[in-house]
């Protein structure tokens, strides 16, 4: 087969994978209809499995219809640093010492607001925590926010409308909340070095707009559901046996900081992660269950996206090159819904002679659309994995995420495009 035919086949498989992410309920129905093979159907109904599964199909396809050596060479050319990083940061950020410290900070900020305890906490989790993603990275912010929401609000039995409204705002706010700095959001990180975007540039061009949109989104959903939120009882005081020694909390913070600092050096941060596992094992009384399964599923999802997405450059790059700055903003926002936003900005960084307006529009559009689907932004699968068990049938509708993220996305468009 010619390279063009191989690329076309890869595009078809990518499209099937995207459609598959919207088809979870179909596979759940098959599991109930054919109980003898329910395990397989349940597995294919897991959103985190989708891209990893179709990436495997792609490699088989390239092997059978191309060359085995070529398929292996392609697989080895992929960079899996980001999936490994998201796995490591998820597990560490979800440890009890980090969560307890995060909860203390959230409660402290919440008490300064003239709102009831539950309403104030909800607003802070959806506004302040996503902005922390600019410093502790977006995957860590997503993990912390999702866990705080799950334990404080979703476990209290939210209405379906509030469940989806919350995850829609969460996904959008995390996507834009990491743009205050040039090193935390993957779409920014892909281009910052090439285009010379430093901290002052990010703060003046992206940061204040992102902070404004994040606060508006959080305030809007908080006000809209203020009556339901106010009925949620205040958090119970922490039991003495749940408290963690300050020294151990500092050690965990050091692990978290080290993994963030060496986020682009897998051999270093994975070594730190293994050391962290040793410490966690040595002090089990100060740990809850580590989310290893959830982290591995998210890493599998992202790794599959890396493999499938790497075959889409042949049509994405010419498409971007043919757009004006205005069109590229809205085009990137729309394309982000079906492919990782970091992949879009990376392809843009390969194009020479782009105007400053085009560069801004590309990145702003990519982060604006980062909440529309699970695959739009690398941290989204982490939030999905943590929160999905709180939804009916332990499944979050892909269409529900898209609809719930539309208004927060429009707010982001207003901030990045019209202000």
Foldseek 3Di string as FASTA:
>chain_A
DDPVVLLVVLVVLLVVLLVLLQCLVVLCVVCVVDVVPNVVSNQSSDNLCRLLVSLVVSLVVCVVVNNNVVSVVLLVPFDLLQLLLLLLLLLLLPKLLNLVVVVVVLQVQLVVDPADSQLSSQLCLQQVLLLCLLPLALLSSLSSSLVCCVVQPLVLPDDPVLLLLSLLSNQLLNLLSNQQAQQHFLQSVLACVLVVQGNVNSNVQRVVLSNVLSSVSSVVSSVVCVVVSNPRDHDDDDDPLQDDDPVVSVVSVVLSVQSSVVSVPNVRNVVSSVVVVVVCVVCVSNTDDRPNVLSVSLSSSVSSLSSSVVSCLVPLLVVLVPDDLVCLLQVLLVVLQSHELSSNSNSVSVDPDDDPSNNLSNSLSLSLNRQQFCRSGSSSSSSLSSCQCSDVVSHDRSVSSNVSNVVSSVSSCCSNPVD
